[in-house]
Amino acid sequence: MKASITNRQVTLTWELAMQSPAATSYAVDVALQPGGEVIATLATPADATPFSLSNVPPGNYYVRVRGVNAVGSSGPSGELHVVVH
């Protein structure tokens, strides 16, 4: 997963989940510390990569993404540290 930050807009891109059946959506989990409690989960359609979020408050965020389908969700991706100024 990669992130770009411009004017408090965070844009995330990631590799599509390799699961069967294929992901129908993605869940973006956000925490305030590494491996920490998830404070928000943002749902996005499977074809919505890159995913952007505007007006993100300044801070340190730790982000993971999971593929979701009718069977359930994949395990989370590796965690990405995102710093918004």
N, C-alpha and C. Protein backbone atom coordinates (compact mmCIF):
# COMPACT_ATOMS: atom_id res chain seq x y z
N MET A 1 0.85 -1.15 0.00
CA MET A 1 0.00 0.00 0.00
C MET A 1 0.90 1.23 0.00
N LYS A 2 0.42 2.28 -0.67
CA LYS A 2 1.14 3.55 -0.72
C LYS A 2 0.17 4.67 -0.38
N ALA A 3 0.73 5.76 0.12
CA ALA A 3 -0.09 6.94 0.44
C ALA A 3 0.57 8.18 -0.12
N SER A 4 -0.24 9.11 -0.57
CA SER A 4 0.25 10.45 -0.89
C SER A 4 -0.65 11.43 -0.15
N ILE A 5 -0.04 12.50 0.34
CA ILE A 5 -0.76 13.49 1.14
C ILE A 5 -0.54 14.86 0.54
N THR A 6 -1.63 15.55 0.23
CA THR A 6 -1.58 16.90 -0.31
C THR A 6 -2.69 17.72 0.31
N ASN A 7 -2.33 18.81 0.99
CA ASN A 7 -3.33 19.70 1.58
C ASN A 7 -4.38 18.95 2.39
N ARG A 8 -3.92 18.07 3.28
CA ARG A 8 -4.79 17.28 4.17
C ARG A 8 -5.71 16.32 3.42
N GLN A 9 -5.40 16.03 2.17
CA GLN A 9 -6.10 14.97 1.45
C GLN A 9 -5.16 13.78 1.37
N VAL A 10 -5.62 12.63 1.85
CA VAL A 10 -4.83 11.40 1.82
C VAL A 10 -5.38 10.52 0.71
N THR A 11 -4.48 10.08 -0.17
CA THR A 11 -4.85 9.17 -1.26
C THR A 11 -4.08 7.87 -1.07
N LEU A 12 -4.82 6.76 -0.98
CA LEU A 12 -4.23 5.44 -0.79
C LEU A 12 -4.38 4.61 -2.05
N THR A 13 -3.35 3.86 -2.37
CA THR A 13 -3.42 2.87 -3.45
C THR A 13 -2.90 1.55 -2.89
N TRP A 14 -3.42 0.44 -3.40
CA TRP A 14 -3.00 -0.87 -2.92
C TRP A 14 -3.19 -1.90 -4.02
N GLU A 15 -2.55 -3.04 -3.83
CA GLU A 15 -2.71 -4.18 -4.72
C GLU A 15 -4.06 -4.82 -4.42
N LEU A 16 -4.74 -5.29 -5.42
CA LEU A 16 -6.03 -5.94 -5.21
C LEU A 16 -5.82 -7.25 -4.44
N ALA A 17 -6.77 -7.56 -3.57
CA ALA A 17 -6.68 -8.78 -2.75
C ALA A 17 -6.76 -10.01 -3.63
N MET A 18 -5.92 -10.98 -3.34
CA MET A 18 -5.93 -12.25 -4.05
C MET A 18 -6.75 -13.23 -3.21
N GLN A 19 -8.06 -13.21 -3.39
CA GLN A 19 -8.93 -14.10 -2.64
C GLN A 19 -10.00 -14.64 -3.58
N SER A 20 -10.61 -15.73 -3.19
CA SER A 20 -11.65 -16.34 -4.01
C SER A 20 -12.84 -16.63 -3.11
N PRO A 21 -14.02 -16.14 -3.45
CA PRO A 21 -14.31 -15.28 -4.59
C PRO A 21 -13.66 -13.91 -4.44
N ALA A 22 -13.59 -13.19 -5.55
CA ALA A 22 -12.91 -11.89 -5.59
C ALA A 22 -13.55 -10.89 -4.63
N ALA A 23 -12.75 -9.93 -4.21
CA ALA A 23 -13.24 -8.87 -3.32
C ALA A 23 -14.31 -8.04 -4.05
N THR A 24 -15.40 -7.76 -3.34
CA THR A 24 -16.45 -6.89 -3.88
C THR A 24 -16.35 -5.49 -3.29
N SER A 25 -15.57 -5.36 -2.21
CA SER A 25 -15.31 -4.05 -1.61
C SER A 25 -14.03 -4.17 -0.79
N TYR A 26 -13.59 -3.03 -0.25
CA TYR A 26 -12.42 -3.01 0.61
C TYR A 26 -12.78 -2.27 1.89
N ALA A 27 -12.15 -2.66 2.99
CA ALA A 27 -12.30 -1.99 4.27
C ALA A 27 -10.95 -1.39 4.63
N VAL A 28 -10.92 -0.09 4.83
CA VAL A 28 -9.69 0.61 5.22
C VAL A 28 -9.79 0.87 6.72
N ASP A 29 -8.92 0.22 7.49
CA ASP A 29 -8.90 0.35 8.95
C ASP A 29 -7.87 1.39 9.35
N VAL A 30 -8.24 2.27 10.28
CA VAL A 30 -7.36 3.36 10.74
C VAL A 30 -7.17 3.24 12.25
N ALA A 31 -5.91 3.34 12.69
CA ALA A 31 -5.57 3.34 14.11
C ALA A 31 -4.65 4.53 14.39
N LEU A 32 -4.49 4.87 15.66
CA LEU A 32 -3.64 6.00 16.04
C LEU A 32 -2.25 5.59 16.51
N GLN A 33 -2.02 4.27 16.63
CA GLN A 33 -0.70 3.77 17.01
C GLN A 33 -0.46 2.44 16.32
N PRO A 34 0.79 2.05 16.14
CA PRO A 34 1.07 0.79 15.45
C PRO A 34 0.38 -0.38 16.14
N GLY A 35 -0.35 -1.17 15.36
CA GLY A 35 -1.05 -2.32 15.90
C GLY A 35 -2.16 -1.96 16.87
N GLY A 36 -2.54 -0.69 16.89
CA GLY A 36 -3.51 -0.21 17.86
C GLY A 36 -4.95 -0.51 17.50
N GLU A 37 -5.82 -0.13 18.40
CA GLU A 37 -7.26 -0.31 18.22
C GLU A 37 -7.73 0.50 17.01
N VAL A 38 -8.56 -0.11 16.19
CA VAL A 38 -9.10 0.55 15.01
C VAL A 38 -10.11 1.61 15.46
N ILE A 39 -9.86 2.87 15.06
CA ILE A 39 -10.77 3.96 15.43
C ILE A 39 -11.80 4.25 14.35
N ALA A 40 -11.53 3.77 13.13
CA ALA A 40 -12.47 3.97 12.02
C ALA A 40 -12.22 2.92 10.97
N THR A 41 -13.30 2.45 10.35
CA THR A 41 -13.20 1.57 9.19
C THR A 41 -13.99 2.23 8.08
N LEU A 42 -13.31 2.49 6.98
CA LEU A 42 -13.92 3.15 5.84
C LEU A 42 -14.14 2.11 4.74
N ALA A 43 -15.36 2.00 4.25
CA ALA A 43 -15.69 1.03 3.20
C ALA A 43 -15.58 1.70 1.85
N THR A 44 -15.06 0.97 0.88
CA THR A 44 -14.91 1.49 -0.47
C THR A 44 -15.20 0.37 -1.48
N PRO A 45 -15.84 0.69 -2.61
CA PRO A 45 -16.09 -0.34 -3.62
C PRO A 45 -14.79 -0.95 -4.13
N ALA A 46 -14.87 -2.16 -4.66
CA ALA A 46 -13.68 -2.87 -5.13
C ALA A 46 -12.94 -2.11 -6.21
N ASP A 47 -13.64 -1.31 -7.00
CA ASP A 47 -12.97 -0.60 -8.10
C ASP A 47 -12.55 0.82 -7.70
N ALA A 48 -12.58 1.14 -6.41
CA ALA A 48 -12.28 2.50 -5.95
C ALA A 48 -10.85 2.64 -5.46
N THR A 49 -9.90 2.14 -6.21
CA THR A 49 -8.50 2.40 -5.88
C THR A 49 -7.93 3.22 -7.03
N PRO A 50 -7.35 4.36 -6.79
CA PRO A 50 -7.01 4.89 -5.48
C PRO A 50 -8.24 5.39 -4.70
N PHE A 51 -8.08 5.41 -3.39
CA PHE A 51 -9.11 5.87 -2.47
C PHE A 51 -8.61 7.16 -1.84
N SER A 52 -9.45 8.22 -1.86
CA SER A 52 -9.04 9.51 -1.29
C SER A 52 -10.00 9.96 -0.20
N LEU A 53 -9.44 10.63 0.79
CA LEU A 53 -10.21 11.19 1.88
C LEU A 53 -9.71 12.61 2.11
N SER A 54 -10.62 13.59 2.11
CA SER A 54 -10.25 15.00 2.26
C SER A 54 -10.45 15.48 3.69
N ASN A 55 -9.82 16.60 4.00
CA ASN A 55 -9.94 17.26 5.30
C ASN A 55 -9.56 16.35 6.47
N VAL A 56 -8.52 15.58 6.30
CA VAL A 56 -8.03 14.70 7.36
C VAL A 56 -7.33 15.56 8.41
N PRO A 57 -7.71 15.46 9.68
CA PRO A 57 -7.05 16.25 10.73
C PRO A 57 -5.56 15.91 10.81
N PRO A 58 -4.72 16.89 11.14
CA PRO A 58 -3.30 16.60 11.29
C PRO A 58 -3.08 15.51 12.34
N GLY A 59 -2.10 14.66 12.10
CA GLY A 59 -1.79 13.60 13.06
C GLY A 59 -1.06 12.45 12.42
N ASN A 60 -0.78 11.45 13.24
CA ASN A 60 -0.15 10.20 12.80
C ASN A 60 -1.23 9.14 12.75
N TYR A 61 -1.29 8.43 11.63
CA TYR A 61 -2.29 7.39 11.44
C TYR A 61 -1.60 6.12 10.97
N TYR A 62 -2.18 4.99 11.33
CA TYR A 62 -1.68 3.68 10.91
C TYR A 62 -2.83 3.00 10.18
N VAL A 63 -2.60 2.69 8.92
CA VAL A 63 -3.68 2.27 8.02
C VAL A 63 -3.41 0.87 7.49
N ARG A 64 -4.47 0.06 7.46
CA ARG A 64 -4.44 -1.28 6.85
C ARG A 64 -5.66 -1.40 5.95
N VAL A 65 -5.60 -2.30 4.98
CA VAL A 65 -6.74 -2.52 4.10
C VAL A 65 -7.03 -4.02 4.04
N ARG A 66 -8.32 -4.35 3.94
CA ARG A 66 -8.76 -5.75 3.83
C ARG A 66 -9.71 -5.87 2.66
N GLY A 67 -9.61 -6.95 1.89
CA GLY A 67 -10.58 -7.26 0.85
C GLY A 67 -11.81 -7.90 1.48
N VAL A 68 -13.00 -7.54 1.00
CA VAL A 68 -14.25 -8.07 1.56
C VAL A 68 -15.08 -8.67 0.42
N ASN A 69 -15.69 -9.84 0.70
CA ASN A 69 -16.63 -10.46 -0.25
C ASN A 69 -17.74 -11.14 0.54
N ALA A 70 -18.59 -11.89 -0.13
CA ALA A 70 -19.73 -12.53 0.53
C ALA A 70 -19.31 -13.53 1.61
N VAL A 71 -18.10 -14.07 1.51
CA VAL A 71 -17.61 -15.06 2.47
C VAL A 71 -17.08 -14.38 3.74
N GLY A 72 -16.58 -13.17 3.62
CA GLY A 72 -15.99 -12.46 4.75
C GLY A 72 -14.90 -11.52 4.28
N SER A 73 -13.91 -11.29 5.13
CA SER A 73 -12.82 -10.39 4.73
C SER A 73 -11.49 -11.13 4.78
N SER A 74 -10.57 -10.63 3.97
CA SER A 74 -9.22 -11.18 3.98
C SER A 74 -8.52 -10.69 5.24
N GLY A 75 -7.35 -11.21 5.48
CA GLY A 75 -6.53 -10.65 6.55
C GLY A 75 -6.09 -9.25 6.14
N PRO A 76 -5.65 -8.45 7.09
CA PRO A 76 -5.25 -7.09 6.76
C PRO A 76 -3.91 -7.05 6.03
N SER A 77 -3.74 -5.98 5.26
CA SER A 77 -2.46 -5.74 4.61
C SER A 77 -1.44 -5.34 5.67
N GLY A 78 -0.23 -5.17 5.27
CA GLY A 78 0.75 -4.58 6.16
C GLY A 78 0.31 -3.17 6.53
N GLU A 79 0.72 -2.73 7.69
CA GLU A 79 0.32 -1.42 8.19
C GLU A 79 1.17 -0.32 7.56
N LEU A 80 0.54 0.78 7.21
CA LEU A 80 1.23 1.93 6.63
C LEU A 80 1.11 3.11 7.58
N HIS A 81 2.23 3.74 7.90
CA HIS A 81 2.24 4.93 8.76
C HIS A 81 2.03 6.14 7.86
N VAL A 82 0.99 6.93 8.15
CA VAL A 82 0.65 8.11 7.37
C VAL A 82 0.69 9.32 8.30
N VAL A 83 1.45 10.35 7.91
CA VAL A 83 1.56 11.56 8.70
C VAL A 83 0.91 12.71 7.93
N VAL A 84 -0.08 13.34 8.55
CA VAL A 84 -0.78 14.47 7.94
C VAL A 84 -0.40 15.72 8.73
N HIS A 85 0.10 16.76 8.02
CA HIS A 85 0.51 18.01 8.67
C HIS A 85 -0.56 19.06 8.53
